Amino acid sequence: MNFFKQKLFWGGFAGILIAVTIFTFSFMGSTVNPTPKDMPLALVVEDEGVTLPTGEQLNFGEMLEEQIKQNDNESVEWTILESREKAINE
């Protein structure tokens, strides 16, 4: 019982409580949004695809390009280019 009557215990407890409160409210009031908006990215598809033994044509580059075109993401502004040189120049 004498443990709770010590000033060092209550001082440490109060210090920890204050630190936790400060860290909690510092993250709640943050107005900074780390999500990028309209970040320009270029995509150059150089994949030629392969023909499977079943005769089916498989091209992951075209599949990726179609998914990017269908995805309506506000944080990234995609530009699809024909060649690597054009992407470097732009």
C-alpha atoms as a PDB file:
ATOM      1  CA  MET A   1       0.000   0.000   0.000  1.00  0.00           C
ATOM      2  CA  ASN A   2       2.954   2.310   0.608  1.00  0.00           C
ATOM      3  CA  PHE A   3       3.784   1.936  -3.079  1.00  0.00           C
ATOM      4  CA  PHE A   4       0.859   4.200  -4.103  1.00  0.00           C
ATOM      5  CA  LYS A   5       1.884   6.872  -1.577  1.00  0.00           C
ATOM      6  CA  GLN A   6       5.263   7.488  -3.246  1.00  0.00           C
ATOM      7  CA  LYS A   7       5.697  10.702  -5.224  1.00  0.00           C
ATOM      8  CA  LEU A   8       7.982   9.008  -7.769  1.00  0.00           C
ATOM      9  CA  PHE A   9       5.241   6.529  -8.753  1.00  0.00           C
ATOM     10  CA  TRP A  10       2.636   9.241  -9.325  1.00  0.00           C
ATOM     11  CA  GLY A  11       5.141  11.479 -11.133  1.00  0.00           C
ATOM     12  CA  GLY A  12       6.069   8.655 -13.530  1.00  0.00           C
ATOM     13  CA  PHE A  13       2.447   7.714 -14.044  1.00  0.00           C
ATOM     14  CA  ALA A  14       1.501  11.330 -14.816  1.00  0.00           C
ATOM     15  CA  GLY A  15       4.441  11.659 -17.228  1.00  0.00           C
ATOM     16  CA  ILE A  16       3.447   8.552 -19.154  1.00  0.00           C
ATOM     17  CA  LEU A  17      -0.184   9.679 -19.257  1.00  0.00           C
ATOM     18  CA  ILE A  18       0.791  13.109 -20.597  1.00  0.00           C
ATOM     19  CA  ALA A  19       3.068  11.602 -23.260  1.00  0.00           C
ATOM     20  CA  VAL A  20       0.352   9.218 -24.458  1.00  0.00           C
ATOM     21  CA  THR A  21      -2.189  12.056 -24.584  1.00  0.00           C
ATOM     22  CA  ILE A  22       0.156  14.299 -26.582  1.00  0.00           C
ATOM     23  CA  PHE A  23       0.948  11.581 -29.141  1.00  0.00           C
ATOM     24  CA  THR A  24      -2.724  10.649 -29.478  1.00  0.00           C
ATOM     25  CA  PHE A  25      -3.925  14.167 -30.176  1.00  0.00           C
ATOM     26  CA  SER A  26      -0.969  15.098 -32.363  1.00  0.00           C
ATOM     27  CA  PHE A  27      -1.958  12.417 -34.883  1.00  0.00           C
ATOM     28  CA  MET A  28      -5.679  13.218 -34.683  1.00  0.00           C
ATOM     29  CA  GLY A  29      -5.271  16.885 -35.564  1.00  0.00           C
ATOM     30  CA  SER A  30      -2.949  16.316 -38.489  1.00  0.00           C
ATOM     31  CA  THR A  31      -4.174  18.034 -41.668  1.00  0.00           C
ATOM     32  CA  VAL A  32      -1.411  16.619 -43.855  1.00  0.00           C
ATOM     33  CA  ASN A  33      -2.709  14.045 -46.342  1.00  0.00           C
ATOM     34  CA  PRO A  34       0.108  11.724 -47.450  1.00  0.00           C
ATOM     35  CA  THR A  35      -1.926  10.455 -50.439  1.00  0.00           C
ATOM     36  CA  PRO A  36      -0.589  11.874 -53.717  1.00  0.00           C
ATOM     37  CA  LYS A  37      -2.990  13.629 -56.090  1.00  0.00           C
ATOM     38  CA  ASP A  38      -2.634  13.663 -59.871  1.00  0.00           C
ATOM     39  CA  MET A  39       0.838  12.129 -59.796  1.00  0.00           C
ATOM     40  CA  PRO A  40       1.846  11.684 -63.450  1.00  0.00           C
ATOM     41  CA  LEU A  41       3.078   8.213 -64.397  1.00  0.00           C
ATOM     42  CA  ALA A  42       3.848   6.859 -67.846  1.00  0.00           C
ATOM     43  CA  LEU A  43       3.395   3.279 -68.980  1.00  0.00           C
ATOM     44  CA  VAL A  44       5.207   1.770 -71.934  1.00  0.00           C
ATOM     45  CA  VAL A  45       4.153  -1.771 -72.823  1.00  0.00           C
ATOM     46  CA  GLU A  46       6.928  -3.677 -74.594  1.00  0.00           C
ATOM     47  CA  ASP A  47       5.479  -7.116 -73.898  1.00  0.00           C
ATOM     48  CA  GLU A  48       5.058  -9.156 -77.070  1.00  0.00           C
ATOM     49  CA  GLY A  49       3.160 -11.972 -75.395  1.00  0.00           C
ATOM     50  CA  VAL A  50       3.485 -15.711 -75.843  1.00  0.00           C
ATOM     51  CA  THR A  51       1.507 -18.447 -77.526  1.00  0.00           C
ATOM     52  CA  LEU A  52       0.509 -21.206 -75.149  1.00  0.00           C
ATOM     53  CA  PRO A  53       0.619 -24.869 -76.191  1.00  0.00           C
ATOM     54  CA  THR A  54      -3.164 -24.732 -76.489  1.00  0.00           C
ATOM     55  CA  GLY A  55      -2.790 -22.074 -79.191  1.00  0.00           C
ATOM     56  CA  GLU A  56      -4.096 -19.268 -76.986  1.00  0.00           C
ATOM     57  CA  GLN A  57      -2.242 -15.924 -77.103  1.00  0.00           C
ATOM     58  CA  LEU A  58      -1.272 -14.573 -73.671  1.00  0.00           C
ATOM     59  CA  ASN A  59      -0.078 -10.977 -73.250  1.00  0.00           C
ATOM     60  CA  PHE A  60       0.300  -9.645 -69.706  1.00  0.00           C
ATOM     61  CA  GLY A  61       1.290  -6.169 -70.927  1.00  0.00           C
ATOM     62  CA  GLU A  62      -2.034  -5.672 -72.705  1.00  0.00           C
ATOM     63  CA  MET A  63      -3.905  -7.062 -69.690  1.00  0.00           C
ATOM     64  CA  LEU A  64      -2.132  -4.580 -67.393  1.00  0.00           C
ATOM     65  CA  GLU A  65      -2.851  -1.708 -69.780  1.00  0.00           C
ATOM     66  CA  GLU A  66      -6.569  -2.566 -69.880  1.00  0.00           C
ATOM     67  CA  GLN A  67      -6.758  -2.743 -66.083  1.00  0.00           C
ATOM     68  CA  ILE A  68      -5.087   0.652 -65.765  1.00  0.00           C
ATOM     69  CA  LYS A  69      -7.497   2.179 -68.300  1.00  0.00           C
ATOM     70  CA  GLN A  70     -10.491   0.772 -66.392  1.00  0.00           C
ATOM     71  CA  ASN A  71      -9.205   1.831 -62.969  1.00  0.00           C
ATOM     72  CA  ASP A  72     -10.471   5.298 -62.059  1.00  0.00           C
ATOM     73  CA  ASN A  73      -7.831   6.330 -59.536  1.00  0.00           C
ATOM     74  CA  GLU A  74      -7.655  10.030 -58.635  1.00  0.00           C
ATOM     75  CA  SER A  75      -4.188   9.827 -57.121  1.00  0.00           C
ATOM     76  CA  VAL A  76      -2.406   8.737 -60.334  1.00  0.00           C
ATOM     77  CA  GLU A  77      -2.673  10.275 -63.786  1.00  0.00           C
ATOM     78  CA  TRP A  78      -1.616   7.520 -66.226  1.00  0.00           C
ATOM     79  CA  THR A  79      -0.188   8.250 -69.664  1.00  0.00           C
ATOM     80  CA  ILE A  80       0.245   5.264 -71.987  1.00  0.00           C
ATOM     81  CA  LEU A  81       3.036   5.760 -74.520  1.00  0.00           C
ATOM     82  CA  GLU A  82       4.221   3.727 -77.511  1.00  0.00           C
ATOM     83  CA  SER A  83       7.980   3.728 -76.913  1.00  0.00           C
ATOM     84  CA  ARG A  84      10.564   4.050 -74.180  1.00  0.00           C
ATOM     85  CA  GLU A  85      12.249   6.969 -75.973  1.00  0.00           C
ATOM     86  CA  LYS A  86       9.005   8.947 -76.026  1.00  0.00           C
ATOM     87  CA  ALA A  87       8.555   8.338 -72.308  1.00  0.00           C
ATOM     88  CA  ILE A  88      12.086   9.571 -71.582  1.00  0.00           C
ATOM     89  CA  ASN A  89      11.601  12.669 -73.733  1.00  0.00           C
ATOM     90  CA  GLU A  90       8.289  13.583 -72.148  1.00  0.00           C
END
